[in-house]
């Protein structure tokens, strides 16, 4: 019997794992060309912005326009206004250029979005009057300068209006409007240069009876304005009466 010789096949030796080497791109600093490119882009953006700003300015000067509908009689707020650069030509002098000139004013007509705010569209607040002050009546009239403190009235001053009334042989000087506030005073046109002509005064008066009394006095008597701003502790109320002289010059 033959003996079979079995030859064992040797097992392969285990494979030795070696670390895989990763080859990556090394991050370096930007080159000079890249830096120059970034600088040129920045300069370009700044130049475009400056050009845009100049283009905006070339459109014209800034003027106040209405941003929302403002009904007549309503007080104008900052939210009602916007600024637009325009070239207005002849009407530029009548149009407001700063929002502050319109804020707190009253619209004398309904203002629509996009409309220019002109001086004739608003009634500016009375100088020296708080926003919460009671409403007032305003009345304008012309006086000779000597009867209006020599034409030296300033907006915001407080004045008394005295009228001289004659009746039944007696003449009385009476305060017809006390604690009235000056809204405006002065002359217009060529009269400003010459200093002549009537001196127009606009007063804000809180009492309706005082307004009626003043209008009556303007039609029937001589009216004189007395400055009360520097005499707040004094009271000019009441009347002073005297008998009228007879035609021959003697008192009656």
Foldseek 3Di string as FASTA:
>chain_A
DDDDDDDDDDDDDDDDDDDDDDDDDDDDDDDPVVVVVVVVVVVVVVVVVVVVVVVQPVQAAKFKFFAAKAAAFDADAPVGIDIGGHDDPPCPVFFHRDVVQRHRWGARHIGHGPHTDGPVGTHGDQPPDDSPDDAWDKDKDWDFCVLEVNQPDDGFFFKWKWWWADDPQKIKIAGLAGRKTWRDWADDDCCNVVVDDTIMTMTTGHDPSSVVSVVVRVVGTDMGIGTCRVPVVDDPHDMDMDGHADPVRHGD
